[in-house]
Amino acid sequence: MYRVLKPGGHFCVSDVVLQGELPDELVRDAEMYAGCVSGAIQKEDYLTIIKATGFKGTTIKKEKEISIPDEILANYLDEEGIKDYKSRELGIYSITVYAEK
């Protein structure tokens, strides 16, 4: 995006990011990958990459936490695994980021 934008141009994009680490059972699952969950990177890394590319004025316009219902988690984790998942400092977020060149 940086290469093709004119000076003063901007972008606005939505993506899924993480805060914390997903259990391995979710990371390795194709469905979670297709749903953009297991392939998501850490939120701070995401924003750092945007800034390191040269963009300025990076702001998060929207942020919504995504929760995975227990009945979905039960497809990947046993009861103890679900309890562990919920005890982690983990957040899955849909964010909309704006930045300028």
C-alpha atoms as a PDB file:
ATOM      1  CA  MET A   1       0.000   0.000   0.000  1.00  0.00           C
ATOM      2  CA  TYR A   2       2.770   2.404   0.865  1.00  0.00           C
ATOM      3  CA  ARG A   3       4.366   2.042  -2.562  1.00  0.00           C
ATOM      4  CA  VAL A   4       1.185   2.792  -4.510  1.00  0.00           C
ATOM      5  CA  LEU A   5      -0.264   5.593  -2.375  1.00  0.00           C
ATOM      6  CA  LYS A   6       0.506   9.182  -3.313  1.00  0.00           C
ATOM      7  CA  PRO A   7       1.989  11.420  -0.615  1.00  0.00           C
ATOM      8  CA  GLY A   8      -0.878  12.484   1.633  1.00  0.00           C
ATOM      9  CA  GLY A   9      -2.870   9.392   0.663  1.00  0.00           C
ATOM     10  CA  HIS A  10      -4.375   7.108   3.296  1.00  0.00           C
ATOM     11  CA  PHE A  11      -5.757   3.638   3.799  1.00  0.00           C
ATOM     12  CA  CYS A  12      -8.360   2.117   6.062  1.00  0.00           C
ATOM     13  CA  VAL A  13      -8.405  -1.660   6.528  1.00  0.00           C
ATOM     14  CA  SER A  14     -10.109  -4.142   8.842  1.00  0.00           C
ATOM     15  CA  ASP A  15      -8.368  -7.241  10.151  1.00  0.00           C
ATOM     16  CA  VAL A  16      -8.323  -9.758  12.988  1.00  0.00           C
ATOM     17  CA  VAL A  17      -5.555  -9.459  15.601  1.00  0.00           C
ATOM     18  CA  LEU A  18      -4.657 -11.114  18.902  1.00  0.00           C
ATOM     19  CA  GLN A  19      -3.551 -10.107  22.343  1.00  0.00           C
ATOM     20  CA  GLY A  20      -2.100 -13.185  24.008  1.00  0.00           C
ATOM     21  CA  GLU A  21      -1.469 -16.701  22.744  1.00  0.00           C
ATOM     22  CA  LEU A  22      -4.042 -19.108  21.332  1.00  0.00           C
ATOM     23  CA  PRO A  23      -3.965 -22.772  22.428  1.00  0.00           C
ATOM     24  CA  ASP A  24      -2.108 -25.026  19.952  1.00  0.00           C
ATOM     25  CA  GLU A  25      -5.328 -26.908  19.153  1.00  0.00           C
ATOM     26  CA  LEU A  26      -6.823 -23.710  17.726  1.00  0.00           C
ATOM     27  CA  VAL A  27      -3.631 -22.589  15.979  1.00  0.00           C
ATOM     28  CA  ARG A  28      -3.354 -25.875  14.073  1.00  0.00           C
ATOM     29  CA  ASP A  29      -6.989 -26.006  12.959  1.00  0.00           C
ATOM     30  CA  ALA A  30      -7.807 -25.228   9.309  1.00  0.00           C
ATOM     31  CA  GLU A  31     -11.259 -23.863  10.187  1.00  0.00           C
ATOM     32  CA  MET A  32      -9.781 -21.378  12.646  1.00  0.00           C
ATOM     33  CA  TYR A  33      -7.206 -20.412  10.023  1.00  0.00           C
ATOM     34  CA  ALA A  34      -9.902 -19.925   7.370  1.00  0.00           C
ATOM     35  CA  GLY A  35     -11.808 -17.796   9.873  1.00  0.00           C
ATOM     36  CA  CYS A  36      -8.738 -15.548  10.250  1.00  0.00           C
ATOM     37  CA  VAL A  37      -8.309 -16.451  13.925  1.00  0.00           C
ATOM     38  CA  SER A  38      -5.343 -18.823  14.034  1.00  0.00           C
ATOM     39  CA  GLY A  39      -3.434 -16.856  11.382  1.00  0.00           C
ATOM     40  CA  ALA A  40      -3.849 -13.551  13.212  1.00  0.00           C
ATOM     41  CA  ILE A  41      -0.792 -11.775  14.572  1.00  0.00           C
ATOM     42  CA  GLN A  42      -0.391  -9.845  17.793  1.00  0.00           C
ATOM     43  CA  LYS A  43      -2.091  -6.443  17.770  1.00  0.00           C
ATOM     44  CA  GLU A  44       1.061  -4.539  18.739  1.00  0.00           C
ATOM     45  CA  ASP A  45       3.089  -6.325  16.034  1.00  0.00           C
ATOM     46  CA  TYR A  46       0.420  -5.437  13.462  1.00  0.00           C
ATOM     47  CA  LEU A  47       0.549  -1.744  14.349  1.00  0.00           C
ATOM     48  CA  THR A  48       4.356  -1.767  14.529  1.00  0.00           C
ATOM     49  CA  ILE A  49       4.588  -3.176  10.994  1.00  0.00           C
ATOM     50  CA  ILE A  50       2.327  -0.397   9.685  1.00  0.00           C
ATOM     51  CA  LYS A  51       4.425   2.290  11.385  1.00  0.00           C
ATOM     52  CA  ALA A  52       7.739   0.674  10.355  1.00  0.00           C
ATOM     53  CA  THR A  53       6.585   0.770   6.725  1.00  0.00           C
ATOM     54  CA  GLY A  54       6.491   4.565   6.981  1.00  0.00           C
ATOM     55  CA  PHE A  55       2.833   5.305   7.592  1.00  0.00           C
ATOM     56  CA  LYS A  56       1.960   8.156   9.961  1.00  0.00           C
ATOM     57  CA  GLY A  57      -1.098   8.979  12.029  1.00  0.00           C
ATOM     58  CA  THR A  58      -1.959   5.342  12.600  1.00  0.00           C
ATOM     59  CA  THR A  59      -5.211   5.093  14.521  1.00  0.00           C
ATOM     60  CA  ILE A  60      -7.639   2.342  15.383  1.00  0.00           C
ATOM     61  CA  LYS A  61     -11.051   3.541  14.241  1.00  0.00           C
ATOM     62  CA  LYS A  62     -13.012   0.503  15.489  1.00  0.00           C
ATOM     63  CA  GLU A  63     -12.195  -2.382  17.794  1.00  0.00           C
ATOM     64  CA  LYS A  64     -14.532  -5.236  18.639  1.00  0.00           C
ATOM     65  CA  GLU A  65     -13.701  -8.276  20.729  1.00  0.00           C
ATOM     66  CA  ILE A  66     -14.532 -11.606  19.136  1.00  0.00           C
ATOM     67  CA  SER A  67     -15.585 -14.357  21.513  1.00  0.00           C
ATOM     68  CA  ILE A  68     -15.622 -18.009  20.570  1.00  0.00           C
ATOM     69  CA  PRO A  69     -18.676 -19.752  22.049  1.00  0.00           C
ATOM     70  CA  ASP A  70     -18.119 -22.781  24.290  1.00  0.00           C
ATOM     71  CA  GLU A  71     -19.899 -25.083  21.819  1.00  0.00           C
ATOM     72  CA  ILE A  72     -17.313 -24.134  19.156  1.00  0.00           C
ATOM     73  CA  LEU A  73     -14.391 -24.434  21.587  1.00  0.00           C
ATOM     74  CA  ALA A  74     -15.649 -27.925  22.509  1.00  0.00           C
ATOM     75  CA  ASN A  75     -14.809 -29.039  18.944  1.00  0.00           C
ATOM     76  CA  TYR A  76     -11.128 -28.381  19.694  1.00  0.00           C
ATOM     77  CA  LEU A  77     -10.639 -28.474  23.457  1.00  0.00           C
ATOM     78  CA  ASP A  78     -11.731 -30.751  26.276  1.00  0.00           C
ATOM     79  CA  GLU A  79     -13.368 -29.318  29.411  1.00  0.00           C
ATOM     80  CA  GLU A  80     -10.003 -28.629  31.055  1.00  0.00           C
ATOM     81  CA  GLY A  81      -8.735 -26.997  27.845  1.00  0.00           C
ATOM     82  CA  ILE A  82     -11.762 -24.690  27.709  1.00  0.00           C
ATOM     83  CA  LYS A  83     -11.190 -23.717  31.336  1.00  0.00           C
ATOM     84  CA  ASP A  84      -7.517 -22.994  30.547  1.00  0.00           C
ATOM     85  CA  TYR A  85      -8.493 -20.994  27.415  1.00  0.00           C
ATOM     86  CA  LYS A  86     -10.842 -18.803  29.432  1.00  0.00           C
ATOM     87  CA  SER A  87      -8.236 -18.225  32.150  1.00  0.00           C
ATOM     88  CA  ARG A  88      -5.658 -16.884  29.668  1.00  0.00           C
ATOM     89  CA  GLU A  89      -5.142 -13.207  29.118  1.00  0.00           C
ATOM     90  CA  LEU A  90      -6.289 -13.604  25.539  1.00  0.00           C
ATOM     91  CA  GLY A  91      -8.226 -11.315  23.274  1.00  0.00           C
ATOM     92  CA  ILE A  92      -9.279 -11.842  19.686  1.00  0.00           C
ATOM     93  CA  TYR A  93     -10.221  -8.535  18.076  1.00  0.00           C
ATOM     94  CA  SER A  94     -11.583  -7.214  14.818  1.00  0.00           C
ATOM     95  CA  ILE A  95      -9.934  -3.826  14.290  1.00  0.00           C
ATOM     96  CA  THR A  96     -10.228  -1.144  11.641  1.00  0.00           C
ATOM     97  CA  VAL A  97      -6.970   0.769  11.186  1.00  0.00           C
ATOM     98  CA  TYR A  98      -6.429   4.107   9.436  1.00  0.00           C
ATOM     99  CA  ALA A  99      -3.012   5.489   8.467  1.00  0.00           C
ATOM    100  CA  GLU A 100      -1.565   8.113   6.125  1.00  0.00           C
ATOM    101  CA  LYS A 101       1.447   8.255   3.848  1.00  0.00           C
END
